[in-house]
Amino acid sequence: MFNLPITSLRKTGLFGLIALFMLAGINHFSYPNFYVSVVPPYLPLRYELAYISGIFEIIGAIALLFSKTRRIAGFALILLLIAIFPANIHMALNTESFTTCNPIIIYLRLPLHIVLILWVYWATLRKKAVGYQL
């Protein structure tokens, strides 16, 4: 049920992802206005999209705990990261609208997103990461 990866590095990577996505998901509900402001204005239902992405982050974090759902959670979280990437582009193109954020941090979010996708892949989709034989 909770079969974990064999190496400590992969366990740490997996638990780091769980914590990251759980905290990020909760943060969507703690500070919804920030996440709504990040949603590009051309998208409808901005509040709903901000809350839905938070819900998916929490569900993804929980699904990472279980070896039987870890791979599907990995795929889903990678798709979620790809889906929310336009929000980071929107922030980078409109730094003047995000005065509470340091522009350097806004620009660092772009390559960090790629690192997160690779991290999810490494911790969930590689055979060694699943925690049981496929």
N, C-alpha and C. Protein backbone atom coordinates (compact mmCIF):
# COMPACT_ATOMS: atom_id res chain seq x y z
N MET A 1 0.82 -1.19 0.00
CA MET A 1 0.00 0.00 0.00
C MET A 1 0.87 1.26 0.00
N PHE A 2 1.79 1.37 0.97
CA PHE A 2 2.68 2.52 1.05
C PHE A 2 4.09 2.15 0.61
N ASN A 3 4.23 1.19 -0.30
CA ASN A 3 5.57 0.80 -0.75
C ASN A 3 6.31 2.04 -1.20
N LEU A 4 7.45 2.26 -0.58
CA LEU A 4 8.24 3.44 -0.88
C LEU A 4 9.44 3.08 -1.73
N PRO A 5 9.99 4.05 -2.42
CA PRO A 5 11.22 3.78 -3.17
C PRO A 5 12.30 3.25 -2.22
N ILE A 6 13.24 2.52 -2.76
CA ILE A 6 14.25 1.85 -1.95
C ILE A 6 15.28 2.83 -1.39
N THR A 7 15.76 3.75 -2.20
CA THR A 7 16.83 4.63 -1.74
C THR A 7 16.30 5.79 -0.91
N SER A 8 17.15 6.26 0.00
CA SER A 8 16.76 7.40 0.83
C SER A 8 16.58 8.65 0.00
N LEU A 9 17.39 8.81 -1.04
CA LEU A 9 17.27 9.99 -1.88
C LEU A 9 15.90 10.04 -2.56
N ARG A 10 15.45 8.92 -3.09
CA ARG A 10 14.13 8.90 -3.73
C ARG A 10 13.01 9.07 -2.72
N LYS A 11 13.16 8.49 -1.55
CA LYS A 11 12.15 8.70 -0.49
C LYS A 11 12.06 10.18 -0.13
N THR A 12 13.22 10.78 0.06
CA THR A 12 13.25 12.21 0.39
C THR A 12 12.64 13.03 -0.73
N GLY A 13 12.97 12.70 -1.97
CA GLY A 13 12.39 13.41 -3.11
C GLY A 13 10.88 13.26 -3.17
N LEU A 14 10.40 12.06 -2.89
CA LEU A 14 8.96 11.81 -2.91
C LEU A 14 8.26 12.59 -1.80
N PHE A 15 8.79 12.51 -0.58
CA PHE A 15 8.17 13.23 0.52
C PHE A 15 8.27 14.74 0.35
N GLY A 16 9.34 15.19 -0.29
CA GLY A 16 9.45 16.61 -0.61
C GLY A 16 8.36 17.06 -1.56
N LEU A 17 8.09 16.24 -2.57
CA LEU A 17 7.00 16.55 -3.51
C LEU A 17 5.65 16.56 -2.82
N ILE A 18 5.43 15.56 -1.96
CA ILE A 18 4.16 15.50 -1.23
C ILE A 18 3.97 16.77 -0.43
N ALA A 19 4.99 17.17 0.31
CA ALA A 19 4.90 18.38 1.13
C ALA A 19 4.70 19.62 0.26
N LEU A 20 5.45 19.71 -0.83
CA LEU A 20 5.35 20.87 -1.72
C LEU A 20 3.95 21.03 -2.29
N PHE A 21 3.41 19.95 -2.84
CA PHE A 21 2.08 20.05 -3.46
C PHE A 21 0.97 20.21 -2.42
N MET A 22 1.13 19.60 -1.26
CA MET A 22 0.12 19.76 -0.21
C MET A 22 0.10 21.22 0.27
N LEU A 23 1.27 21.76 0.56
CA LEU A 23 1.34 23.15 1.03
C LEU A 23 0.89 24.13 -0.05
N ALA A 24 1.28 23.88 -1.29
CA ALA A 24 0.86 24.76 -2.38
C ALA A 24 -0.65 24.71 -2.56
N GLY A 25 -1.22 23.51 -2.47
CA GLY A 25 -2.68 23.38 -2.60
C GLY A 25 -3.42 24.10 -1.49
N ILE A 26 -2.95 23.93 -0.27
CA ILE A 26 -3.57 24.62 0.87
C ILE A 26 -3.43 26.13 0.72
N ASN A 27 -2.29 26.55 0.20
CA ASN A 27 -2.03 27.98 0.00
C ASN A 27 -3.04 28.62 -0.95
N HIS A 28 -3.56 27.84 -1.91
CA HIS A 28 -4.59 28.37 -2.82
C HIS A 28 -5.83 28.80 -2.06
N PHE A 29 -6.10 28.15 -0.95
CA PHE A 29 -7.28 28.49 -0.16
C PHE A 29 -6.97 29.54 0.90
N SER A 30 -5.71 29.63 1.30
CA SER A 30 -5.31 30.62 2.29
C SER A 30 -5.15 32.01 1.67
N TYR A 31 -4.64 32.05 0.44
CA TYR A 31 -4.39 33.31 -0.27
C TYR A 31 -4.98 33.27 -1.67
N PRO A 32 -6.28 33.11 -1.78
CA PRO A 32 -6.87 32.93 -3.12
C PRO A 32 -6.68 34.13 -4.04
N ASN A 33 -6.66 35.34 -3.50
CA ASN A 33 -6.55 36.51 -4.37
C ASN A 33 -5.24 36.54 -5.14
N PHE A 34 -4.16 36.08 -4.52
CA PHE A 34 -2.89 36.02 -5.24
C PHE A 34 -3.01 35.07 -6.43
N TYR A 35 -3.55 33.88 -6.20
CA TYR A 35 -3.65 32.89 -7.27
C TYR A 35 -4.61 33.33 -8.36
N VAL A 36 -5.66 34.02 -7.98
CA VAL A 36 -6.59 34.55 -8.99
C VAL A 36 -5.88 35.60 -9.84
N SER A 37 -5.04 36.43 -9.21
CA SER A 37 -4.34 37.47 -9.97
C SER A 37 -3.33 36.88 -10.95
N VAL A 38 -2.85 35.68 -10.67
CA VAL A 38 -1.88 35.03 -11.54
C VAL A 38 -2.55 34.40 -12.76
N VAL A 39 -3.81 34.03 -12.64
CA VAL A 39 -4.53 33.43 -13.77
C VAL A 39 -4.63 34.47 -14.88
N PRO A 40 -4.19 34.13 -16.08
CA PRO A 40 -4.26 35.10 -17.19
C PRO A 40 -5.69 35.61 -17.39
N PRO A 41 -5.83 36.91 -17.64
CA PRO A 41 -7.17 37.50 -17.73
C PRO A 41 -8.02 36.99 -18.88
N TYR A 42 -7.42 36.37 -19.88
CA TYR A 42 -8.20 35.86 -21.00
C TYR A 42 -8.92 34.56 -20.66
N LEU A 43 -8.61 33.97 -19.50
CA LEU A 43 -9.30 32.75 -19.09
C LEU A 43 -10.54 33.09 -18.26
N PRO A 44 -11.64 32.40 -18.53
CA PRO A 44 -12.85 32.65 -17.72
C PRO A 44 -12.76 31.92 -16.37
N LEU A 45 -13.64 32.26 -15.47
CA LEU A 45 -13.76 31.58 -14.18
C LEU A 45 -12.43 31.55 -13.41
N ARG A 46 -11.83 32.70 -13.26
CA ARG A 46 -10.50 32.79 -12.66
C ARG A 46 -10.48 32.28 -11.22
N TYR A 47 -11.47 32.64 -10.42
CA TYR A 47 -11.53 32.14 -9.03
C TYR A 47 -11.65 30.62 -9.01
N GLU A 48 -12.52 30.12 -9.84
CA GLU A 48 -12.74 28.68 -9.88
C GLU A 48 -11.47 27.94 -10.32
N LEU A 49 -10.77 28.48 -11.31
CA LEU A 49 -9.53 27.86 -11.77
C LEU A 49 -8.47 27.84 -10.66
N ALA A 50 -8.40 28.93 -9.91
CA ALA A 50 -7.43 28.98 -8.81
C ALA A 50 -7.75 27.93 -7.76
N TYR A 51 -9.02 27.80 -7.40
CA TYR A 51 -9.42 26.79 -6.40
C TYR A 51 -9.26 25.37 -6.94
N ILE A 52 -9.63 25.16 -8.19
CA ILE A 52 -9.52 23.82 -8.79
C ILE A 52 -8.07 23.37 -8.83
N SER A 53 -7.17 24.26 -9.21
CA SER A 53 -5.76 23.87 -9.24
C SER A 53 -5.26 23.53 -7.83
N GLY A 54 -5.73 24.25 -6.83
CA GLY A 54 -5.38 23.92 -5.44
C GLY A 54 -5.90 22.56 -5.03
N ILE A 55 -7.13 22.26 -5.42
CA ILE A 55 -7.72 20.95 -5.10
C ILE A 55 -6.91 19.83 -5.78
N PHE A 56 -6.55 20.03 -7.05
CA PHE A 56 -5.76 19.01 -7.76
C PHE A 56 -4.38 18.83 -7.15
N GLU A 57 -3.79 19.91 -6.66
CA GLU A 57 -2.49 19.78 -6.00
C GLU A 57 -2.60 18.94 -4.72
N ILE A 58 -3.65 19.18 -3.95
CA ILE A 58 -3.85 18.41 -2.71
C ILE A 58 -4.13 16.95 -3.03
N ILE A 59 -5.02 16.69 -3.99
CA ILE A 59 -5.33 15.31 -4.38
C ILE A 59 -4.08 14.62 -4.91
N GLY A 60 -3.30 15.32 -5.71
CA GLY A 60 -2.06 14.75 -6.24
C GLY A 60 -1.09 14.40 -5.13
N ALA A 61 -0.96 15.27 -4.14
CA ALA A 61 -0.06 15.01 -3.01
C ALA A 61 -0.49 13.77 -2.25
N ILE A 62 -1.79 13.63 -2.02
CA ILE A 62 -2.31 12.46 -1.30
C ILE A 62 -2.08 11.20 -2.13
N ALA A 63 -2.32 11.29 -3.44
CA ALA A 63 -2.16 10.11 -4.31
C ALA A 63 -0.70 9.67 -4.40
N LEU A 64 0.23 10.58 -4.18
CA LEU A 64 1.66 10.21 -4.20
C LEU A 64 2.02 9.28 -3.05
N LEU A 65 1.24 9.31 -1.99
CA LEU A 65 1.52 8.46 -0.83
C LEU A 65 1.39 6.97 -1.15
N PHE A 66 0.49 6.63 -2.02
CA PHE A 66 0.14 5.24 -2.28
C PHE A 66 0.84 4.73 -3.53
N SER A 67 1.50 3.59 -3.42
CA SER A 67 2.25 3.06 -4.56
C SER A 67 1.35 2.77 -5.76
N LYS A 68 0.12 2.38 -5.51
CA LYS A 68 -0.77 2.04 -6.63
C LYS A 68 -1.27 3.27 -7.39
N THR A 69 -1.23 4.43 -6.77
CA THR A 69 -1.69 5.65 -7.44
C THR A 69 -0.54 6.61 -7.76
N ARG A 70 0.67 6.23 -7.38
CA ARG A 70 1.82 7.13 -7.54
C ARG A 70 2.09 7.49 -9.00
N ARG A 71 2.04 6.50 -9.88
CA ARG A 71 2.31 6.78 -11.30
C ARG A 71 1.25 7.69 -11.91
N ILE A 72 -0.01 7.40 -11.66
CA ILE A 72 -1.08 8.24 -12.23
C ILE A 72 -1.01 9.64 -11.63
N ALA A 73 -0.66 9.73 -10.35
CA ALA A 73 -0.50 11.05 -9.72
C ALA A 73 0.66 11.79 -10.36
N GLY A 74 1.74 11.07 -10.67
CA GLY A 74 2.87 11.70 -11.34
C GLY A 74 2.48 12.27 -12.69
N PHE A 75 1.78 11.46 -13.50
CA PHE A 75 1.31 11.96 -14.80
C PHE A 75 0.39 13.16 -14.61
N ALA A 76 -0.55 13.05 -13.68
CA ALA A 76 -1.52 14.13 -13.45
C ALA A 76 -0.83 15.41 -12.98
N LEU A 77 0.15 15.28 -12.09
CA LEU A 77 0.84 16.48 -11.60
C LEU A 77 1.69 17.12 -12.69
N ILE A 78 2.28 16.30 -13.56
CA ILE A 78 3.03 16.87 -14.69
C ILE A 78 2.07 17.63 -15.61
N LEU A 79 0.92 17.05 -15.89
CA LEU A 79 -0.08 17.75 -16.72
C LEU A 79 -0.55 19.03 -16.04
N LEU A 80 -0.74 18.98 -14.73
CA LEU A 80 -1.14 20.18 -13.99
C LEU A 80 -0.06 21.26 -14.09
N LEU A 81 1.20 20.87 -13.92
CA LEU A 81 2.29 21.83 -14.02
C LEU A 81 2.35 22.46 -15.41
N ILE A 82 2.10 21.66 -16.43
CA ILE A 82 2.06 22.19 -17.80
C ILE A 82 0.87 23.14 -17.97
N ALA A 83 -0.27 22.76 -17.40
CA ALA A 83 -1.48 23.58 -17.53
C ALA A 83 -1.34 24.93 -16.84
N ILE A 84 -0.62 24.97 -15.73
CA ILE A 84 -0.51 26.25 -15.01
C ILE A 84 0.71 27.07 -15.44
N PHE A 85 1.53 26.53 -16.34
CA PHE A 85 2.69 27.27 -16.81
C PHE A 85 2.33 28.61 -17.45
N PRO A 86 1.23 28.72 -18.20
CA PRO A 86 0.87 30.04 -18.74
C PRO A 86 0.68 31.11 -17.67
N ALA A 87 0.31 30.72 -16.47
CA ALA A 87 0.19 31.70 -15.39
C ALA A 87 1.57 32.29 -15.06
N ASN A 88 2.60 31.46 -15.08
CA ASN A 88 3.95 31.97 -14.83
C ASN A 88 4.42 32.87 -15.97
N ILE A 89 4.06 32.53 -17.18
CA ILE A 89 4.40 33.39 -18.32
C ILE A 89 3.67 34.72 -18.19
N HIS A 90 2.40 34.67 -17.81
CA HIS A 90 1.62 35.89 -17.59
C HIS A 90 2.29 36.77 -16.54
N MET A 91 2.75 36.17 -15.46
CA MET A 91 3.44 36.95 -14.43
C MET A 91 4.72 37.57 -14.98
N ALA A 92 5.49 36.81 -15.73
CA ALA A 92 6.76 37.31 -16.26
C ALA A 92 6.55 38.44 -17.27
N LEU A 93 5.47 38.38 -18.02
CA LEU A 93 5.20 39.42 -19.01
C LEU A 93 4.56 40.66 -18.38
N ASN A 94 4.06 40.54 -17.16
CA ASN A 94 3.36 41.63 -16.50
C ASN A 94 3.89 41.86 -15.09
N THR A 95 5.20 41.96 -14.94
CA THR A 95 5.79 42.08 -13.61
C THR A 95 5.30 43.33 -12.88
N GLU A 96 4.96 44.37 -13.62
CA GLU A 96 4.48 45.60 -12.97
C GLU A 96 3.15 45.39 -12.24
N SER A 97 2.40 44.37 -12.61
CA SER A 97 1.13 44.08 -11.93
C SER A 97 1.33 43.31 -10.64
N PHE A 98 2.52 42.78 -10.42
CA PHE A 98 2.80 41.96 -9.25
C PHE A 98 3.86 42.64 -8.39
N THR A 99 3.49 43.78 -7.85
CA THR A 99 4.45 44.60 -7.10
C THR A 99 4.88 43.96 -5.79
N THR A 100 4.10 43.02 -5.27
CA THR A 100 4.48 42.36 -4.01
C THR A 100 5.52 41.27 -4.24
N CYS A 101 5.76 40.91 -5.49
CA CYS A 101 6.74 39.87 -5.81
C CYS A 101 7.98 40.51 -6.42
N ASN A 102 9.13 40.01 -6.02
CA ASN A 102 10.39 40.45 -6.61
C ASN A 102 10.43 39.94 -8.06
N PRO A 103 10.75 40.83 -9.02
CA PRO A 103 10.79 40.38 -10.43
C PRO A 103 11.75 39.21 -10.66
N ILE A 104 12.84 39.16 -9.92
CA ILE A 104 13.79 38.05 -10.07
C ILE A 104 13.10 36.73 -9.74
N ILE A 105 12.31 36.72 -8.68
CA ILE A 105 11.59 35.50 -8.29
C ILE A 105 10.56 35.14 -9.37
N ILE A 106 9.92 36.14 -9.92
CA ILE A 106 8.94 35.88 -10.98
C ILE A 106 9.62 35.21 -12.17
N TYR A 107 10.79 35.70 -12.56
CA TYR A 107 11.50 35.11 -13.69
C TYR A 107 12.07 33.73 -13.36
N LEU A 108 12.46 33.53 -12.11
CA LEU A 108 12.99 32.22 -11.71
C LEU A 108 11.92 31.14 -11.69
N ARG A 109 10.66 31.56 -11.59
CA ARG A 109 9.56 30.58 -11.61
C ARG A 109 9.50 29.81 -12.93
N LEU A 110 9.93 30.44 -14.01
CA LEU A 110 9.86 29.78 -15.33
C LEU A 110 10.77 28.55 -15.40
N PRO A 111 12.09 28.68 -15.14
CA PRO A 111 12.91 27.46 -15.17
C PRO A 111 12.60 26.53 -13.99
N LEU A 112 12.15 27.09 -12.88
CA LEU A 112 11.79 26.24 -11.73
C LEU A 112 10.66 25.29 -12.10
N HIS A 113 9.78 25.73 -12.95
CA HIS A 113 8.67 24.87 -13.40
C HIS A 113 9.20 23.64 -14.13
N ILE A 114 10.21 23.83 -14.93
CA ILE A 114 10.82 22.71 -15.64
C ILE A 114 11.49 21.77 -14.64
N VAL A 115 12.15 22.33 -13.65
CA VAL A 115 12.77 21.52 -12.60
C VAL A 115 11.70 20.71 -11.86
N LEU A 116 10.56 21.33 -11.57
CA LEU A 116 9.48 20.61 -10.89
C LEU A 116 8.95 19.45 -11.74
N ILE A 117 8.79 19.67 -13.02
CA ILE A 117 8.33 18.60 -13.91
C ILE A 117 9.32 17.44 -13.89
N LEU A 118 10.60 17.75 -13.98
CA LEU A 118 11.63 16.70 -13.94
C LEU A 118 11.66 16.00 -12.58
N TRP A 119 11.45 16.75 -11.51
CA TRP A 119 11.41 16.18 -10.17
C TRP A 119 10.26 15.20 -10.02
N VAL A 120 9.08 15.60 -10.50
CA VAL A 120 7.92 14.71 -10.45
C VAL A 120 8.20 13.44 -11.25
N TYR A 121 8.77 13.61 -12.43
CA TYR A 121 9.10 12.44 -13.26
C TYR A 121 10.07 11.51 -12.51
N TRP A 122 11.14 12.07 -11.98
CA TRP A 122 12.17 11.29 -11.30
C TRP A 122 11.61 10.58 -10.07
N ALA A 123 10.74 11.26 -9.34
CA ALA A 123 10.25 10.70 -8.07
C ALA A 123 9.03 9.80 -8.23
N THR A 124 8.38 9.82 -9.39
CA THR A 124 7.12 9.06 -9.50
C THR A 124 7.02 8.15 -10.71
N LEU A 125 7.65 8.50 -11.80
CA LEU A 125 7.40 7.75 -13.03
C LEU A 125 8.52 6.80 -13.43
N ARG A 126 9.68 7.00 -12.90
CA ARG A 126 10.76 6.06 -13.19
C ARG A 126 10.48 4.76 -12.46
N LYS A 127 10.88 3.65 -13.04
CA LYS A 127 10.60 2.34 -12.45
C LYS A 127 11.08 2.24 -11.00
N LYS A 128 12.24 2.76 -10.72
CA LYS A 128 12.79 2.71 -9.36
C LYS A 128 11.99 3.54 -8.37
N ALA A 129 11.22 4.50 -8.88
CA ALA A 129 10.50 5.42 -8.00
C ALA A 129 9.15 4.89 -7.54
N VAL A 130 8.61 3.93 -8.25
CA VAL A 130 7.26 3.50 -7.98
C VAL A 130 7.14 2.80 -6.64
N GLY A 131 8.14 2.02 -6.25
CA GLY A 131 8.11 1.36 -4.97
C GLY A 131 7.64 -0.07 -5.04
N TYR A 132 7.31 -0.55 -6.21
CA TYR A 132 6.93 -1.94 -6.39
C TYR A 132 7.16 -2.32 -7.84
N GLN A 133 7.20 -3.59 -8.12
CA GLN A 133 7.43 -4.03 -9.50
C GLN A 133 6.19 -3.82 -10.35
N LEU A 134 6.39 -3.27 -11.52
CA LEU A 134 5.25 -3.06 -12.44
C LEU A 134 4.89 -4.33 -13.15
